[in-house]
Structures are given as structure tokens and as C-alpha cells.
């Protein structure tokens, strides 16, 4: 949980300080807030974590300055393992 909260907090700060506006910035901010809330709850749902990660990646993926922070969030989400597969 600590790794996720730390990574999300870092990326939120980097995004807030990034000077460029881009079309999906609001989506990234909303999903980072959702990731932070899930981490704070103590029992996040893995599929929801992964969905939020995908939305953040899609929203800021082309902003190279934010790539290291995004990578840290992905690594933190990966620590929770794979979501269960449904048959």
C-alpha cells in the first residue's frame, strides 16, 4: 500500500507542476485521485486499480516528462498481482 500511495502522490505532484495543458489532463487527475483513495482504503480492488492505471496511462502516456512517475505507479499496481481470471 505504501508504495502505491507514494507513487501516486509523486505523479500527482508532477502532473500538477507540469506546465502544459493537454486534452485528457482532467481524466488523469481524477483517476490518480481514485487510485489514492483506493490505496487509502486499505483494500483496493485489483481490477479497479488496473483500470485506473490504464486510464492514467492513456491520458498522460504521450507526456514524456511524466513517464518515470507513471512507471512507478505501474510498478506499484503490479505489486498487487494479477486480477482473477473469469471463465
PDB file of N, CA and C in Angstrom:
ATOM      1  N   UNK A   1       0.816  -1.190   0.000  1.00  0.00           N
ATOM      2  CA  UNK A   1       0.000   0.000   0.000  1.00  0.00           C
ATOM      3  C   UNK A   1       0.869   1.267   0.000  1.00  0.00           C
ATOM      4  N   UNK A   2       1.930   1.225   0.780  1.00  0.00           N
ATOM      5  CA  UNK A   2       2.799   2.401   0.893  1.00  0.00           C
ATOM      6  C   UNK A   2       3.413   2.765  -0.449  1.00  0.00           C
ATOM      7  N   UNK A   3       3.858   1.753  -1.197  1.00  0.00           N
ATOM      8  CA  UNK A   3       4.468   2.016  -2.494  1.00  0.00           C
ATOM      9  C   UNK A   3       3.476   2.687  -3.441  1.00  0.00           C
ATOM     10  N   UNK A   4       2.233   2.205  -3.413  1.00  0.00           N
ATOM     11  CA  UNK A   4       1.215   2.772  -4.294  1.00  0.00           C
ATOM     12  C   UNK A   4       0.917   4.214  -3.905  1.00  0.00           C
ATOM     13  N   UNK A   5       0.716   4.459  -2.631  1.00  0.00           N
ATOM     14  CA  UNK A   5       0.420   5.836  -2.186  1.00  0.00           C
ATOM     15  C   UNK A   5       1.568   6.778  -2.514  1.00  0.00           C
ATOM     16  N   UNK A   6       2.797   6.319  -2.321  1.00  0.00           N
ATOM     17  CA  UNK A   6       3.961   7.152  -2.612  1.00  0.00           C
ATOM     18  C   UNK A   6       4.058   7.462  -4.103  1.00  0.00           C
ATOM     19  N   UNK A   7       3.889   6.439  -4.933  1.00  0.00           N
ATOM     20  CA  UNK A   7       3.986   6.621  -6.386  1.00  0.00           C
ATOM     21  C   UNK A   7       2.869   7.525  -6.908  1.00  0.00           C
ATOM     22  N   UNK A   8       1.663   7.323  -6.415  1.00  0.00           N
ATOM     23  CA  UNK A   8       0.534   8.147  -6.855  1.00  0.00           C
ATOM     24  C   UNK A   8       0.741   9.596  -6.418  1.00  0.00           C
ATOM     25  N   UNK A   9       1.177   9.787  -5.198  1.00  0.00           N
ATOM     26  CA  UNK A   9       1.417  11.141  -4.700  1.00  0.00           C
ATOM     27  C   UNK A   9       2.471  11.854  -5.533  1.00  0.00           C
ATOM     28  N   UNK A  10       3.529  11.143  -5.855  1.00  0.00           N
ATOM     29  CA  UNK A  10       4.602  11.726  -6.672  1.00  0.00           C
ATOM     30  C   UNK A  10       4.084  12.130  -8.048  1.00  0.00           C
ATOM     31  N   UNK A  11       3.328  11.238  -8.697  1.00  0.00           N
ATOM     32  CA  UNK A  11       2.827  11.542 -10.032  1.00  0.00           C
ATOM     33  C   UNK A  11       1.812  12.682  -9.982  1.00  0.00           C
ATOM     34  N   UNK A  12       1.002  12.736  -8.948  1.00  0.00           N
ATOM     35  CA  UNK A  12       0.049  13.846  -8.812  1.00  0.00           C
ATOM     36  C   UNK A  12       0.789  15.179  -8.711  1.00  0.00           C
ATOM     37  N   UNK A  13       1.867  15.211  -7.925  1.00  0.00           N
ATOM     38  CA  UNK A  13       2.661  16.439  -7.795  1.00  0.00           C
ATOM     39  C   UNK A  13       3.305  16.811  -9.126  1.00  0.00           C
ATOM     40  N   UNK A  14       3.854  15.809  -9.823  1.00  0.00           N
ATOM     41  CA  UNK A  14       4.488  16.078 -11.113  1.00  0.00           C
ATOM     42  C   UNK A  14       3.467  16.595 -12.130  1.00  0.00           C
ATOM     43  N   UNK A  15       2.294  16.005 -12.131  1.00  0.00           N
ATOM     44  CA  UNK A  15       1.242  16.435 -13.047  1.00  0.00           C
ATOM     45  C   UNK A  15       0.790  17.856 -12.708  1.00  0.00           C
ATOM     46  N   UNK A  16       0.629  18.152 -11.432  1.00  0.00           N
ATOM     47  CA  UNK A  16       0.219  19.496 -11.026  1.00  0.00           C
ATOM     48  C   UNK A  16       1.255  20.546 -11.434  1.00  0.00           C
ATOM     49  N   UNK A  17       2.517  20.169 -11.406  1.00  0.00           N
ATOM     50  CA  UNK A  17       3.574  21.092 -11.758  1.00  0.00           C
ATOM     51  C   UNK A  17       3.911  21.143 -13.229  1.00  0.00           C
ATOM     52  N   UNK A  18       3.302  20.276 -14.019  1.00  0.00           N
ATOM     53  CA  UNK A  18       3.603  20.240 -15.449  1.00  0.00           C
ATOM     54  C   UNK A  18       2.934  21.430 -16.132  1.00  0.00           C
ATOM     55  N   UNK A  19       3.704  22.205 -16.867  1.00  0.00           N
ATOM     56  CA  UNK A  19       3.167  23.452 -17.432  1.00  0.00           C
ATOM     57  C   UNK A  19       2.196  23.285 -18.598  1.00  0.00           C
ATOM     58  N   UNK A  20       2.273  22.200 -19.305  1.00  0.00           N
ATOM     59  CA  UNK A  20       1.433  22.022 -20.496  1.00  0.00           C
ATOM     60  C   UNK A  20       0.036  21.543 -20.134  1.00  0.00           C
ATOM     61  N   UNK A  21      -0.909  22.075 -20.867  1.00  0.00           N
ATOM     62  CA  UNK A  21      -2.267  21.553 -20.796  1.00  0.00           C
ATOM     63  C   UNK A  21      -2.408  20.538 -21.927  1.00  0.00           C
ATOM     64  N   UNK A  22      -3.151  19.485 -21.670  1.00  0.00           N
ATOM     65  CA  UNK A  22      -3.425  18.511 -22.707  1.00  0.00           C
ATOM     66  C   UNK A  22      -4.841  18.015 -22.493  1.00  0.00           C
ATOM     67  N   UNK A  23      -5.470  17.499 -23.540  1.00  0.00           N
ATOM     68  CA  UNK A  23      -6.905  17.221 -23.500  1.00  0.00           C
ATOM     69  C   UNK A  23      -7.378  16.311 -22.366  1.00  0.00           C
ATOM     70  N   UNK A  24      -6.596  15.309 -22.003  1.00  0.00           N
ATOM     71  CA  UNK A  24      -7.044  14.330 -21.020  1.00  0.00           C
ATOM     72  C   UNK A  24      -6.457  14.542 -19.628  1.00  0.00           C
ATOM     73  N   UNK A  25      -5.961  15.730 -19.376  1.00  0.00           N
ATOM     74  CA  UNK A  25      -5.358  16.017 -18.069  1.00  0.00           C
ATOM     75  C   UNK A  25      -6.356  15.782 -16.926  1.00  0.00           C
ATOM     76  N   UNK A  26      -7.589  16.211 -17.107  1.00  0.00           N
ATOM     77  CA  UNK A  26      -8.621  16.031 -16.081  1.00  0.00           C
ATOM     78  C   UNK A  26      -8.870  14.563 -15.769  1.00  0.00           C
ATOM     79  N   UNK A  27      -8.845  13.733 -16.796  1.00  0.00           N
ATOM     80  CA  UNK A  27      -9.022  12.290 -16.600  1.00  0.00           C
ATOM     81  C   UNK A  27      -7.885  11.747 -15.749  1.00  0.00           C
ATOM     82  N   UNK A  28      -6.663  12.140 -16.074  1.00  0.00           N
ATOM     83  CA  UNK A  28      -5.509  11.676 -15.306  1.00  0.00           C
ATOM     84  C   UNK A  28      -5.616  12.116 -13.847  1.00  0.00           C
ATOM     85  N   UNK A  29      -5.987  13.367 -13.618  1.00  0.00           N
ATOM     86  CA  UNK A  29      -6.126  13.867 -12.251  1.00  0.00           C
ATOM     87  C   UNK A  29      -7.200  13.108 -11.489  1.00  0.00           C
ATOM     88  N   UNK A  30      -8.346  12.874 -12.136  1.00  0.00           N
ATOM     89  CA  UNK A  30      -9.442  12.141 -11.484  1.00  0.00           C
ATOM     90  C   UNK A  30      -9.043  10.713 -11.140  1.00  0.00           C
ATOM     91  N   UNK A  31      -8.387  10.035 -12.066  1.00  0.00           N
ATOM     92  CA  UNK A  31      -8.015   8.640 -11.824  1.00  0.00           C
ATOM     93  C   UNK A  31      -6.889   8.522 -10.796  1.00  0.00           C
ATOM     94  N   UNK A  32      -5.982   9.487 -10.772  1.00  0.00           N
ATOM     95  CA  UNK A  32      -4.957   9.471  -9.719  1.00  0.00           C
ATOM     96  C   UNK A  32      -5.597   9.688  -8.353  1.00  0.00           C
ATOM     97  N   UNK A  33      -6.608  10.541  -8.289  1.00  0.00           N
ATOM     98  CA  UNK A  33      -7.336  10.731  -7.031  1.00  0.00           C
ATOM     99  C   UNK A  33      -8.039   9.431  -6.629  1.00  0.00           C
ATOM    100  N   UNK A  34      -8.600   8.721  -7.609  1.00  0.00           N
ATOM    101  CA  UNK A  34      -9.257   7.441  -7.325  1.00  0.00           C
ATOM    102  C   UNK A  34      -8.248   6.404  -6.836  1.00  0.00           C
ATOM    103  N   UNK A  35      -7.083   6.357  -7.469  1.00  0.00           N
ATOM    104  CA  UNK A  35      -6.032   5.431  -7.027  1.00  0.00           C
ATOM    105  C   UNK A  35      -5.603   5.740  -5.593  1.00  0.00           C
ATOM    106  N   UNK A  36      -5.466   7.015  -5.293  1.00  0.00           N
ATOM    107  CA  UNK A  36      -5.075   7.411  -3.940  1.00  0.00           C
ATOM    108  C   UNK A  36      -6.140   6.993  -2.931  1.00  0.00           C
ATOM    109  N   UNK A  37      -7.403   7.190  -3.267  1.00  0.00           N
ATOM    110  CA  UNK A  37      -8.492   6.805  -2.373  1.00  0.00           C
ATOM    111  C   UNK A  37      -8.529   5.291  -2.156  1.00  0.00           C
ATOM    112  N   UNK A  38      -8.301   4.533  -3.227  1.00  0.00           N
ATOM    113  CA  UNK A  38      -8.286   3.077  -3.086  1.00  0.00           C
ATOM    114  C   UNK A  38      -7.133   2.628  -2.200  1.00  0.00           C
ATOM    115  N   UNK A  39      -5.984   3.244  -2.372  1.00  0.00           N
ATOM    116  CA  UNK A  39      -4.829   2.886  -1.544  1.00  0.00           C
ATOM    117  C   UNK A  39      -5.078   3.253  -0.093  1.00  0.00           C
ATOM    118  N   UNK A  40      -5.719   4.380   0.134  1.00  0.00           N
ATOM    119  CA  UNK A  40      -6.005   4.823   1.499  1.00  0.00           C
ATOM    120  C   UNK A  40      -7.025   3.918   2.181  1.00  0.00           C
ATOM    121  N   UNK A  41      -7.900   3.293   1.397  1.00  0.00           N
ATOM    122  CA  UNK A  41      -8.924   2.428   1.971  1.00  0.00           C
ATOM    123  C   UNK A  41      -8.338   1.158   2.573  1.00  0.00           C
ATOM    124  N   UNK A  42      -7.162   0.773   2.094  1.00  0.00           N
ATOM    125  CA  UNK A  42      -6.505  -0.407   2.629  1.00  0.00           C
ATOM    126  C   UNK A  42      -6.833  -1.707   1.928  1.00  0.00           C
ATOM    127  N   UNK A  43      -7.905  -1.747   1.167  1.00  0.00           N
ATOM    128  CA  UNK A  43      -8.282  -2.973   0.454  1.00  0.00           C
ATOM    129  C   UNK A  43      -8.763  -2.642  -0.957  1.00  0.00           C
ATOM    130  N   UNK A  44      -7.841  -2.257  -1.821  1.00  0.00           N
ATOM    131  CA  UNK A  44      -8.246  -1.897  -3.180  1.00  0.00           C
ATOM    132  C   UNK A  44      -8.645  -3.116  -3.996  1.00  0.00           C
ATOM    133  N   UNK A  45      -9.530  -2.887  -4.950  1.00  0.00           N
ATOM    134  CA  UNK A  45      -9.932  -3.937  -5.880  1.00  0.00           C
ATOM    135  C   UNK A  45      -8.935  -3.935  -7.036  1.00  0.00           C
ATOM    136  N   UNK A  46      -8.301  -5.057  -7.266  1.00  0.00           N
ATOM    137  CA  UNK A  46      -7.255  -5.141  -8.280  1.00  0.00           C
ATOM    138  C   UNK A  46      -7.769  -4.760  -9.671  1.00  0.00           C
ATOM    139  N   UNK A  47      -8.928  -5.250 -10.116  1.00  0.00           N
ATOM    140  CA  UNK A  47      -9.385  -4.830 -11.449  1.00  0.00           C
ATOM    141  C   UNK A  47      -9.589  -3.314 -11.544  1.00  0.00           C
ATOM    142  N   UNK A  48     -10.068  -2.710 -10.482  1.00  0.00           N
ATOM    143  CA  UNK A  48     -10.277  -1.250 -10.486  1.00  0.00           C
ATOM    144  C   UNK A  48      -8.936  -0.516 -10.499  1.00  0.00           C
ATOM    145  N   UNK A  49      -7.952  -1.029  -9.757  1.00  0.00           N
ATOM    146  CA  UNK A  49      -6.610  -0.431  -9.792  1.00  0.00           C
ATOM    147  C   UNK A  49      -6.069  -0.435 -11.214  1.00  0.00           C
ATOM    148  N   UNK A  50      -6.186  -1.572 -11.871  1.00  0.00           N
ATOM    149  CA  UNK A  50      -5.654  -1.715 -13.222  1.00  0.00           C
ATOM    150  C   UNK A  50      -6.402  -0.832 -14.215  1.00  0.00           C
ATOM    151  N   UNK A  51      -7.712  -0.716 -14.047  1.00  0.00           N
ATOM    152  CA  UNK A  51      -8.498   0.153 -14.930  1.00  0.00           C
ATOM    153  C   UNK A  51      -8.039   1.598 -14.776  1.00  0.00           C
ATOM    154  N   UNK A  52      -7.878   2.040 -13.538  1.00  0.00           N
ATOM    155  CA  UNK A  52      -7.419   3.413 -13.301  1.00  0.00           C
ATOM    156  C   UNK A  52      -6.025   3.630 -13.888  1.00  0.00           C
ATOM    157  N   UNK A  53      -5.156   2.652 -13.721  1.00  0.00           N
ATOM    158  CA  UNK A  53      -3.812   2.749 -14.286  1.00  0.00           C
ATOM    159  C   UNK A  53      -3.874   2.909 -15.804  1.00  0.00           C
ATOM    160  N   UNK A  54      -4.709   2.118 -16.460  1.00  0.00           N
ATOM    161  CA  UNK A  54      -4.844   2.218 -17.917  1.00  0.00           C
ATOM    162  C   UNK A  54      -5.365   3.592 -18.344  1.00  0.00           C
ATOM    163  N   UNK A  55      -6.321   4.113 -17.590  1.00  0.00           N
ATOM    164  CA  UNK A  55      -6.855   5.433 -17.926  1.00  0.00           C
ATOM    165  C   UNK A  55      -5.803   6.523 -17.739  1.00  0.00           C
ATOM    166  N   UNK A  56      -5.037   6.431 -16.665  1.00  0.00           N
ATOM    167  CA  UNK A  56      -3.963   7.406 -16.438  1.00  0.00           C
ATOM    168  C   UNK A  56      -2.926   7.295 -17.551  1.00  0.00           C
ATOM    169  N   UNK A  57      -2.535   6.074 -17.874  1.00  0.00           N
ATOM    170  CA  UNK A  57      -1.534   5.869 -18.928  1.00  0.00           C
ATOM    171  C   UNK A  57      -2.030   6.411 -20.264  1.00  0.00           C
ATOM    172  N   UNK A  58      -3.285   6.173 -20.566  1.00  0.00           N
ATOM    173  CA  UNK A  58      -3.840   6.692 -21.810  1.00  0.00           C
ATOM    174  C   UNK A  58      -3.913   8.214 -21.823  1.00  0.00           C
ATOM    175  N   UNK A  59      -4.167   8.794 -20.669  1.00  0.00           N
ATOM    176  CA  UNK A  59      -4.314  10.244 -20.576  1.00  0.00           C
ATOM    177  C   UNK A  59      -2.984  10.984 -20.634  1.00  0.00           C
ATOM    178  N   UNK A  60      -1.938  10.407 -20.044  1.00  0.00           N
ATOM    179  CA  UNK A  60      -0.659  11.132 -19.988  1.00  0.00           C
ATOM    180  C   UNK A  60       0.473  10.404 -20.687  1.00  0.00           C
ATOM    181  N   UNK A  61       0.164   9.317 -21.353  1.00  0.00           N
ATOM    182  CA  UNK A  61       1.196   8.492 -21.973  1.00  0.00           C
ATOM    183  C   UNK A  61       2.094   9.214 -22.956  1.00  0.00           C
ATOM    184  N   UNK A  62       1.592  10.260 -23.593  1.00  0.00           N
ATOM    185  CA  UNK A  62       2.414  10.964 -24.576  1.00  0.00           C
ATOM    186  C   UNK A  62       3.248  12.091 -23.964  1.00  0.00           C
ATOM    187  N   UNK A  63       3.114  12.304 -22.661  1.00  0.00           N
ATOM    188  CA  UNK A  63       3.878  13.357 -21.987  1.00  0.00           C
ATOM    189  C   UNK A  63       5.125  12.710 -21.389  1.00  0.00           C
ATOM    190  N   UNK A  64       6.216  12.776 -22.126  1.00  0.00           N
ATOM    191  CA  UNK A  64       7.428  12.045 -21.739  1.00  0.00           C
ATOM    192  C   UNK A  64       7.979  12.470 -20.381  1.00  0.00           C
ATOM    193  N   UNK A  65       7.775  13.706 -19.989  1.00  0.00           N
ATOM    194  CA  UNK A  65       8.287  14.170 -18.697  1.00  0.00           C
ATOM    195  C   UNK A  65       7.621  13.446 -17.528  1.00  0.00           C
ATOM    196  N   UNK A  66       6.438  12.895 -17.750  1.00  0.00           N
ATOM    197  CA  UNK A  66       5.708  12.201 -16.687  1.00  0.00           C
ATOM    198  C   UNK A  66       5.915  10.686 -16.720  1.00  0.00           C
ATOM    199  N   UNK A  67       6.674  10.199 -17.690  1.00  0.00           N
ATOM    200  CA  UNK A  67       6.881   8.756 -17.852  1.00  0.00           C
ATOM    201  C   UNK A  67       7.484   8.068 -16.627  1.00  0.00           C
ATOM    202  N   UNK A  68       8.520   8.629 -15.979  1.00  0.00           N
ATOM    203  CA  UNK A  68       9.065   7.942 -14.801  1.00  0.00           C
ATOM    204  C   UNK A  68       8.041   7.809 -13.665  1.00  0.00           C
ATOM    205  N   UNK A  69       7.247   8.830 -13.445  1.00  0.00           N
ATOM    206  CA  UNK A  69       6.221   8.762 -12.406  1.00  0.00           C
ATOM    207  C   UNK A  69       5.144   7.756 -12.745  1.00  0.00           C
ATOM    208  N   UNK A  70       4.750   7.718 -14.004  1.00  0.00           N
ATOM    209  CA  UNK A  70       3.756   6.745 -14.452  1.00  0.00           C
ATOM    210  C   UNK A  70       4.296   5.331 -14.294  1.00  0.00           C
ATOM    211  N   UNK A  71       5.564   5.135 -14.625  1.00  0.00           N
ATOM    212  CA  UNK A  71       6.186   3.815 -14.473  1.00  0.00           C
ATOM    213  C   UNK A  71       6.169   3.379 -13.008  1.00  0.00           C
ATOM    214  N   UNK A  72       6.433   4.303 -12.094  1.00  0.00           N
ATOM    215  CA  UNK A  72       6.417   3.970 -10.665  1.00  0.00           C
ATOM    216  C   UNK A  72       5.023   3.550 -10.212  1.00  0.00           C
ATOM    217  N   UNK A  73       3.995   4.206 -10.726  1.00  0.00           N
ATOM    218  CA  UNK A  73       2.618   3.820 -10.382  1.00  0.00           C
ATOM    219  C   UNK A  73       2.323   2.423 -10.933  1.00  0.00           C
ATOM    220  N   UNK A  74       2.743   2.162 -12.164  1.00  0.00           N
ATOM    221  CA  UNK A  74       2.509   0.828 -12.749  1.00  0.00           C
ATOM    222  C   UNK A  74       3.192  -0.258 -11.927  1.00  0.00           C
ATOM    223  N   UNK A  75       4.410  -0.012 -11.534  1.00  0.00           N
ATOM    224  CA  UNK A  75       5.144  -0.989 -10.722  1.00  0.00           C
ATOM    225  C   UNK A  75       4.422  -1.223  -9.400  1.00  0.00           C
ATOM    226  N   UNK A  76       3.930  -0.164  -8.781  1.00  0.00           N
ATOM    227  CA  UNK A  76       3.211  -0.294  -7.509  1.00  0.00           C
ATOM    228  C   UNK A  76       1.914  -1.074  -7.685  1.00  0.00           C
ATOM    229  N   UNK A  77       1.193  -0.828  -8.770  1.00  0.00           N
ATOM    230  CA  UNK A  77      -0.044  -1.584  -9.035  1.00  0.00           C
ATOM    231  C   UNK A  77       0.292  -3.051  -9.280  1.00  0.00           C
ATOM    232  N   UNK A  78       1.382  -3.322  -9.986  1.00  0.00           N
ATOM    233  CA  UNK A  78       1.788  -4.703 -10.259  1.00  0.00           C
ATOM    234  C   UNK A  78       2.103  -5.484  -8.989  1.00  0.00           C
ATOM    235  N   UNK A  79       2.452  -4.802  -7.927  1.00  0.00           N
ATOM    236  CA  UNK A  79       2.729  -5.487  -6.659  1.00  0.00           C
ATOM    237  C   UNK A  79       1.499  -6.195  -6.102  1.00  0.00           C
ATOM    238  N   UNK A  80       0.317  -5.774  -6.531  1.00  0.00           N
ATOM    239  CA  UNK A  80      -0.923  -6.390  -6.063  1.00  0.00           C
ATOM    240  C   UNK A  80      -1.244  -7.679  -6.812  1.00  0.00           C
ATOM    241  N   UNK A  81      -0.484  -7.990  -7.843  1.00  0.00           N
ATOM    242  CA  UNK A  81      -0.690  -9.228  -8.591  1.00  0.00           C
ATOM    243  C   UNK A  81      -1.714  -9.051  -9.698  1.00  0.00           C
ATOM    244  N   UNK A  82      -1.967 -10.142 -10.357  1.00  0.00           N
ATOM    245  CA  UNK A  82      -2.910 -10.154 -11.465  1.00  0.00           C
ATOM    246  C   UNK A  82      -4.348 -10.262 -10.939  1.00  0.00           C
ATOM    247  N   UNK A  83      -5.289  -9.639 -11.648  1.00  0.00           N
ATOM    248  CA  UNK A  83      -6.686  -9.819 -11.268  1.00  0.00           C
ATOM    249  C   UNK A  83      -7.122 -11.246 -11.533  1.00  0.00           C
ATOM    250  N   UNK A  84      -8.072 -11.764 -10.779  1.00  0.00           N
ATOM    251  CA  UNK A  84      -8.519 -13.142 -11.028  1.00  0.00           C
ATOM    252  C   UNK A  84      -9.144 -13.266 -12.397  1.00  0.00           C
ATOM    253  N   UNK A  85      -8.891 -14.381 -13.037  1.00  0.00           N
ATOM    254  CA  UNK A  85      -9.452 -14.643 -14.367  1.00  0.00           C
ATOM    255  C   UNK A  85     -10.843 -15.247 -14.208  1.00  0.00           C
ATOM    256  N   UNK A  86     -11.754 -14.777 -15.045  1.00  0.00           N
ATOM    257  CA  UNK A  86     -13.116 -15.319 -15.044  1.00  0.00           C
ATOM    258  C   UNK A  86     -13.272 -16.275 -16.204  1.00  0.00           C
ATOM    259  N   UNK A  87     -13.883 -17.397 -15.961  1.00  0.00           N
ATOM    260  CA  UNK A  87     -14.062 -18.394 -17.030  1.00  0.00           C
ATOM    261  C   UNK A  87     -15.295 -18.129 -17.827  1.00  0.00           C
TER     262      UNK A  87
END
